[in-house]
Amino acid sequence: MSSKSGIGKLFSFISDVRSEIDKVTWPSRKEVVITTVIVFIIALLASLFFALVDTAWYKIIHTIIGK
């Protein structure tokens, strides 16, 4: 059985978490803005692509079915 109490384990855990957070390399504001813009552009292009494909399939299916 461990010699640390529950409170001791909690403080040890919090200390370990703070130590690991200090090792993280955070992106700059410029990097965050650029990647956010890229994500929005890709999402827009993907939505346009799927809208076109959906419209094409709709027209093909309705031409075949005849409704």
PDB file of N, CA and C in Angstrom:
ATOM      1  N   MET A   1       0.839  -1.178   0.000  1.00  0.00           N
ATOM      2  CA  MET A   1       0.000   0.000   0.000  1.00  0.00           C
ATOM      3  C   MET A   1       0.886   1.244   0.000  1.00  0.00           C
ATOM      4  N   SER A   2       0.408   2.300  -0.641  1.00  0.00           N
ATOM      5  CA  SER A   2       1.179   3.533  -0.764  1.00  0.00           C
ATOM      6  C   SER A   2       1.229   4.271   0.562  1.00  0.00           C
ATOM      7  N   SER A   3       2.348   4.962   0.791  1.00  0.00           N
ATOM      8  CA  SER A   3       2.502   5.709   2.042  1.00  0.00           C
ATOM      9  C   SER A   3       1.880   7.102   1.956  1.00  0.00           C
ATOM     10  N   LYS A   4       1.536   7.568   0.757  1.00  0.00           N
ATOM     11  CA  LYS A   4       0.946   8.902   0.601  1.00  0.00           C
ATOM     12  C   LYS A   4      -0.548   8.845   0.889  1.00  0.00           C
ATOM     13  N   SER A   5      -1.040   9.905   1.508  1.00  0.00           N
ATOM     14  CA  SER A   5      -2.478  10.011   1.735  1.00  0.00           C
ATOM     15  C   SER A   5      -3.145  10.517   0.459  1.00  0.00           C
ATOM     16  N   GLY A   6      -4.445  10.556   0.475  1.00  0.00           N
ATOM     17  CA  GLY A   6      -5.200  11.033  -0.683  1.00  0.00           C
ATOM     18  C   GLY A   6      -4.867  12.472  -1.025  1.00  0.00           C
ATOM     19  N   ILE A   7      -4.729  13.316  -0.010  1.00  0.00           N
ATOM     20  CA  ILE A   7      -4.395  14.727  -0.228  1.00  0.00           C
ATOM     21  C   ILE A   7      -2.981  14.848  -0.786  1.00  0.00           C
ATOM     22  N   GLY A   8      -2.065  14.040  -0.266  1.00  0.00           N
ATOM     23  CA  GLY A   8      -0.686  14.060  -0.755  1.00  0.00           C
ATOM     24  C   GLY A   8      -0.610  13.664  -2.221  1.00  0.00           C
ATOM     25  N   LYS A   9      -1.399  12.653  -2.605  1.00  0.00           N
ATOM     26  CA  LYS A   9      -1.438  12.224  -4.015  1.00  0.00           C
ATOM     27  C   LYS A   9      -1.993  13.326  -4.899  1.00  0.00           C
ATOM     28  N   LEU A  10      -3.017  14.028  -4.394  1.00  0.00           N
ATOM     29  CA  LEU A  10      -3.625  15.111  -5.163  1.00  0.00           C
ATOM     30  C   LEU A  10      -2.614  16.234  -5.405  1.00  0.00           C
ATOM     31  N   PHE A  11      -1.906  16.643  -4.361  1.00  0.00           N
ATOM     32  CA  PHE A  11      -0.906  17.703  -4.523  1.00  0.00           C
ATOM     33  C   PHE A  11       0.231  17.259  -5.438  1.00  0.00           C
ATOM     34  N   SER A  12       0.616  16.000  -5.341  1.00  0.00           N
ATOM     35  CA  SER A  12       1.667  15.472  -6.211  1.00  0.00           C
ATOM     36  C   SER A  12       1.197  15.490  -7.674  1.00  0.00           C
ATOM     37  N   PHE A  13      -0.054  15.098  -7.883  1.00  0.00           N
ATOM     38  CA  PHE A  13      -0.616  15.101  -9.235  1.00  0.00           C
ATOM     39  C   PHE A  13      -0.642  16.519  -9.805  1.00  0.00           C
ATOM     40  N   ILE A  14      -1.119  17.469  -9.022  1.00  0.00           N
ATOM     41  CA  ILE A  14      -1.197  18.860  -9.480  1.00  0.00           C
ATOM     42  C   ILE A  14       0.198  19.396  -9.792  1.00  0.00           C
ATOM     43  N   SER A  15       1.161  19.056  -8.961  1.00  0.00           N
ATOM     44  CA  SER A  15       2.543  19.476  -9.205  1.00  0.00           C
ATOM     45  C   SER A  15       3.072  18.876 -10.507  1.00  0.00           C
ATOM     46  N   ASP A  16       2.776  17.608 -10.751  1.00  0.00           N
ATOM     47  CA  ASP A  16       3.207  16.960 -11.993  1.00  0.00           C
ATOM     48  C   ASP A  16       2.554  17.604 -13.216  1.00  0.00           C
ATOM     49  N   VAL A  17       1.279  17.933 -13.097  1.00  0.00           N
ATOM     50  CA  VAL A  17       0.557  18.574 -14.212  1.00  0.00           C
ATOM     51  C   VAL A  17       1.172  19.933 -14.520  1.00  0.00           C
ATOM     52  N   ARG A  18       1.441  20.719 -13.499  1.00  0.00           N
ATOM     53  CA  ARG A  18       2.054  22.044 -13.714  1.00  0.00           C
ATOM     54  C   ARG A  18       3.426  21.903 -14.363  1.00  0.00           C
ATOM     55  N   SER A  19       4.171  20.889 -13.948  1.00  0.00           N
ATOM     56  CA  SER A  19       5.494  20.650 -14.520  1.00  0.00           C
ATOM     57  C   SER A  19       5.388  20.318 -16.004  1.00  0.00           C
ATOM     58  N   GLU A  20       4.411  19.502 -16.369  1.00  0.00           N
ATOM     59  CA  GLU A  20       4.235  19.124 -17.775  1.00  0.00           C
ATOM     60  C   GLU A  20       3.727  20.296 -18.606  1.00  0.00           C
ATOM     61  N   ILE A  21       2.849  21.122 -18.046  1.00  0.00           N
ATOM     62  CA  ILE A  21       2.328  22.286 -18.776  1.00  0.00           C
ATOM     63  C   ILE A  21       3.457  23.260 -19.096  1.00  0.00           C
ATOM     64  N   ASP A  22       4.425  23.377 -18.210  1.00  0.00           N
ATOM     65  CA  ASP A  22       5.565  24.257 -18.462  1.00  0.00           C
ATOM     66  C   ASP A  22       6.413  23.774 -19.641  1.00  0.00           C
ATOM     67  N   LYS A  23       6.328  22.501 -19.975  1.00  0.00           N
ATOM     68  CA  LYS A  23       7.115  21.932 -21.083  1.00  0.00           C
ATOM     69  C   LYS A  23       6.434  22.111 -22.444  1.00  0.00           C
ATOM     70  N   VAL A  24       5.162  22.496 -22.434  1.00  0.00           N
ATOM     71  CA  VAL A  24       4.397  22.625 -23.671  1.00  0.00           C
ATOM     72  C   VAL A  24       4.891  23.821 -24.465  1.00  0.00           C
ATOM     73  N   THR A  25       5.024  23.640 -25.783  1.00  0.00           N
ATOM     74  CA  THR A  25       5.365  24.745 -26.677  1.00  0.00           C
ATOM     75  C   THR A  25       4.053  25.264 -27.267  1.00  0.00           C
ATOM     76  N   TRP A  26       3.647  26.436 -26.827  1.00  0.00           N
ATOM     77  CA  TRP A  26       2.377  26.994 -27.268  1.00  0.00           C
ATOM     78  C   TRP A  26       2.558  27.749 -28.581  1.00  0.00           C
ATOM     79  N   PRO A  27       1.585  27.670 -29.498  1.00  0.00           N
ATOM     80  CA  PRO A  27       1.697  28.404 -30.757  1.00  0.00           C
ATOM     81  C   PRO A  27       1.532  29.905 -30.526  1.00  0.00           C
ATOM     82  N   SER A  28       2.118  30.671 -31.429  1.00  0.00           N
ATOM     83  CA  SER A  28       1.967  32.125 -31.328  1.00  0.00           C
ATOM     84  C   SER A  28       0.565  32.524 -31.802  1.00  0.00           C
ATOM     85  N   ARG A  29       0.194  33.751 -31.514  1.00  0.00           N
ATOM     86  CA  ARG A  29      -1.121  34.243 -31.940  1.00  0.00           C
ATOM     87  C   ARG A  29      -1.237  34.207 -33.467  1.00  0.00           C
ATOM     88  N   LYS A  30      -0.147  34.558 -34.153  1.00  0.00           N
ATOM     89  CA  LYS A  30      -0.141  34.562 -35.618  1.00  0.00           C
ATOM     90  C   LYS A  30      -0.379  33.153 -36.155  1.00  0.00           C
ATOM     91  N   GLU A  31       0.275  32.157 -35.566  1.00  0.00           N
ATOM     92  CA  GLU A  31       0.079  30.769 -36.006  1.00  0.00           C
ATOM     93  C   GLU A  31      -1.361  30.314 -35.792  1.00  0.00           C
ATOM     94  N   VAL A  32      -1.947  30.697 -34.669  1.00  0.00           N
ATOM     95  CA  VAL A  32      -3.332  30.326 -34.377  1.00  0.00           C
ATOM     96  C   VAL A  32      -4.281  30.964 -35.390  1.00  0.00           C
ATOM     97  N   VAL A  33      -4.073  32.229 -35.695  1.00  0.00           N
ATOM     98  CA  VAL A  33      -4.938  32.931 -36.656  1.00  0.00           C
ATOM     99  C   VAL A  33      -4.826  32.293 -38.035  1.00  0.00           C
ATOM    100  N   ILE A  34      -3.593  32.015 -38.474  1.00  0.00           N
ATOM    101  CA  ILE A  34      -3.385  31.427 -39.800  1.00  0.00           C
ATOM    102  C   ILE A  34      -4.039  30.056 -39.898  1.00  0.00           C
ATOM    103  N   THR A  35      -3.825  29.210 -38.907  1.00  0.00           N
ATOM    104  CA  THR A  35      -4.411  27.866 -38.975  1.00  0.00           C
ATOM    105  C   THR A  35      -5.937  27.915 -38.869  1.00  0.00           C
ATOM    106  N   THR A  36      -6.466  28.871 -38.115  1.00  0.00           N
ATOM    107  CA  THR A  36      -7.920  29.019 -38.030  1.00  0.00           C
ATOM    108  C   THR A  36      -8.497  29.425 -39.377  1.00  0.00           C
ATOM    109  N   VAL A  37      -7.859  30.362 -40.061  1.00  0.00           N
ATOM    110  CA  VAL A  37      -8.318  30.782 -41.385  1.00  0.00           C
ATOM    111  C   VAL A  37      -8.252  29.612 -42.366  1.00  0.00           C
ATOM    112  N   ILE A  38      -7.178  28.842 -42.305  1.00  0.00           N
ATOM    113  CA  ILE A  38      -7.040  27.686 -43.190  1.00  0.00           C
ATOM    114  C   ILE A  38      -8.166  26.682 -42.943  1.00  0.00           C
ATOM    115  N   VAL A  39      -8.483  26.431 -41.678  1.00  0.00           N
ATOM    116  CA  VAL A  39      -9.564  25.494 -41.347  1.00  0.00           C
ATOM    117  C   VAL A  39     -10.892  25.998 -41.910  1.00  0.00           C
ATOM    118  N   PHE A  40     -11.179  27.286 -41.763  1.00  0.00           N
ATOM    119  CA  PHE A  40     -12.429  27.832 -42.299  1.00  0.00           C
ATOM    120  C   PHE A  40     -12.476  27.729 -43.825  1.00  0.00           C
ATOM    121  N   ILE A  41     -11.368  28.003 -44.491  1.00  0.00           N
ATOM    122  CA  ILE A  41     -11.336  27.910 -45.953  1.00  0.00           C
ATOM    123  C   ILE A  41     -11.567  26.470 -46.401  1.00  0.00           C
ATOM    124  N   ILE A  42     -10.894  25.520 -45.769  1.00  0.00           N
ATOM    125  CA  ILE A  42     -11.067  24.116 -46.134  1.00  0.00           C
ATOM    126  C   ILE A  42     -12.496  23.657 -45.859  1.00  0.00           C
ATOM    127  N   ALA A  43     -13.072  24.091 -44.730  1.00  0.00           N
ATOM    128  CA  ALA A  43     -14.462  23.736 -44.423  1.00  0.00           C
ATOM    129  C   ALA A  43     -15.413  24.317 -45.469  1.00  0.00           C
ATOM    130  N   LEU A  44     -15.176  25.539 -45.901  1.00  0.00           N
ATOM    131  CA  LEU A  44     -16.002  26.158 -46.935  1.00  0.00           C
ATOM    132  C   LEU A  44     -15.888  25.405 -48.257  1.00  0.00           C
ATOM    133  N   LEU A  45     -14.656  25.078 -48.656  1.00  0.00           N
ATOM    134  CA  LEU A  45     -14.456  24.336 -49.902  1.00  0.00           C
ATOM    135  C   LEU A  45     -15.090  22.959 -49.837  1.00  0.00           C
ATOM    136  N   ALA A  46     -14.960  22.290 -48.707  1.00  0.00           N
ATOM    137  CA  ALA A  46     -15.565  20.962 -48.560  1.00  0.00           C
ATOM    138  C   ALA A  46     -17.086  21.053 -48.628  1.00  0.00           C
ATOM    139  N   SER A  47     -17.664  22.058 -47.987  1.00  0.00           N
ATOM    140  CA  SER A  47     -19.124  22.196 -48.029  1.00  0.00           C
ATOM    141  C   SER A  47     -19.608  22.506 -49.442  1.00  0.00           C
ATOM    142  N   LEU A  48     -18.866  23.322 -50.179  1.00  0.00           N
ATOM    143  CA  LEU A  48     -19.246  23.596 -51.575  1.00  0.00           C
ATOM    144  C   LEU A  48     -19.131  22.341 -52.431  1.00  0.00           C
ATOM    145  N   PHE A  49     -18.061  21.583 -52.237  1.00  0.00           N
ATOM    146  CA  PHE A  49     -17.881  20.343 -52.987  1.00  0.00           C
ATOM    147  C   PHE A  49     -19.048  19.381 -52.728  1.00  0.00           C
ATOM    148  N   PHE A  50     -19.376  19.159 -51.455  1.00  0.00           N
ATOM    149  CA  PHE A  50     -20.448  18.219 -51.130  1.00  0.00           C
ATOM    150  C   PHE A  50     -21.810  18.744 -51.584  1.00  0.00           C
ATOM    151  N   ALA A  51     -22.010  20.047 -51.578  1.00  0.00           N
ATOM    152  CA  ALA A  51     -23.267  20.599 -52.092  1.00  0.00           C
ATOM    153  C   ALA A  51     -23.389  20.338 -53.595  1.00  0.00           C
ATOM    154  N   LEU A  52     -22.289  20.501 -54.331  1.00  0.00           N
ATOM    155  CA  LEU A  52     -22.310  20.230 -55.771  1.00  0.00           C
ATOM    156  C   LEU A  52     -22.545  18.747 -56.054  1.00  0.00           C
ATOM    157  N   VAL A  53     -21.858  17.881 -55.320  1.00  0.00           N
ATOM    158  CA  VAL A  53     -22.036  16.443 -55.510  1.00  0.00           C
ATOM    159  C   VAL A  53     -23.469  16.046 -55.171  1.00  0.00           C
ATOM    160  N   ASP A  54     -24.008  16.588 -54.080  1.00  0.00           N
ATOM    161  CA  ASP A  54     -25.379  16.277 -53.678  1.00  0.00           C
ATOM    162  C   ASP A  54     -26.379  16.730 -54.742  1.00  0.00           C
ATOM    163  N   THR A  55     -26.165  17.927 -55.276  1.00  0.00           N
ATOM    164  CA  THR A  55     -27.053  18.439 -56.324  1.00  0.00           C
ATOM    165  C   THR A  55     -26.971  17.575 -57.583  1.00  0.00           C
ATOM    166  N   ALA A  56     -25.772  17.169 -57.952  1.00  0.00           N
ATOM    167  CA  ALA A  56     -25.606  16.311 -59.134  1.00  0.00           C
ATOM    168  C   ALA A  56     -26.316  14.985 -58.937  1.00  0.00           C
ATOM    169  N   TRP A  57     -26.117  14.356 -57.778  1.00  0.00           N
ATOM    170  CA  TRP A  57     -26.793  13.074 -57.526  1.00  0.00           C
ATOM    171  C   TRP A  57     -28.302  13.248 -57.497  1.00  0.00           C
ATOM    172  N   TYR A  58     -28.782  14.339 -56.938  1.00  0.00           N
ATOM    173  CA  TYR A  58     -30.213  14.611 -56.902  1.00  0.00           C
ATOM    174  C   TYR A  58     -30.776  14.664 -58.320  1.00  0.00           C
ATOM    175  N   LYS A  59     -30.084  15.399 -59.203  1.00  0.00           N
ATOM    176  CA  LYS A  59     -30.566  15.519 -60.575  1.00  0.00           C
ATOM    177  C   LYS A  59     -30.480  14.187 -61.313  1.00  0.00           C
ATOM    178  N   ILE A  60     -29.411  13.436 -61.101  1.00  0.00           N
ATOM    179  CA  ILE A  60     -29.258  12.131 -61.759  1.00  0.00           C
ATOM    180  C   ILE A  60     -30.365  11.184 -61.310  1.00  0.00           C
ATOM    181  N   ILE A  61     -30.593  11.089 -60.024  1.00  0.00           N
ATOM    182  CA  ILE A  61     -31.609  10.177 -59.490  1.00  0.00           C
ATOM    183  C   ILE A  61     -32.995  10.585 -59.959  1.00  0.00           C
ATOM    184  N   HIS A  62     -33.298  11.886 -59.950  1.00  0.00           N
ATOM    185  CA  HIS A  62     -34.622  12.319 -60.380  1.00  0.00           C
ATOM    186  C   HIS A  62     -34.809  12.157 -61.893  1.00  0.00           C
ATOM    187  N   THR A  63     -33.724  12.208 -62.651  1.00  0.00           N
ATOM    188  CA  THR A  63     -33.828  11.930 -64.098  1.00  0.00           C
ATOM    189  C   THR A  63     -34.123  10.452 -64.320  1.00  0.00           C
ATOM    190  N   ILE A  64     -33.480   9.592 -63.558  1.00  0.00           N
ATOM    191  CA  ILE A  64     -33.707   8.148 -63.694  1.00  0.00           C
ATOM    192  C   ILE A  64     -35.097   7.776 -63.230  1.00  0.00           C
ATOM    193  N   ILE A  65     -35.524   8.298 -62.092  1.00  0.00           N
ATOM    194  CA  ILE A  65     -36.843   7.965 -61.541  1.00  0.00           C
ATOM    195  C   ILE A  65     -37.954   8.649 -62.330  1.00  0.00           C
ATOM    196  N   GLY A  66     -37.667   9.845 -62.805  1.00  0.00           N
ATOM    197  CA  GLY A  66     -38.643  10.560 -63.621  1.00  0.00           C
ATOM    198  C   GLY A  66     -39.629  11.389 -62.830  1.00  0.00           C
ATOM    199  N   LYS A  67     -39.300  11.803 -61.648  1.00  0.00           N
ATOM    200  CA  LYS A  67     -40.215  12.631 -60.852  1.00  0.00           C
ATOM    201  C   LYS A  67     -39.807  14.073 -60.909  1.00  0.00           C
TER     202      LYS A  67
END
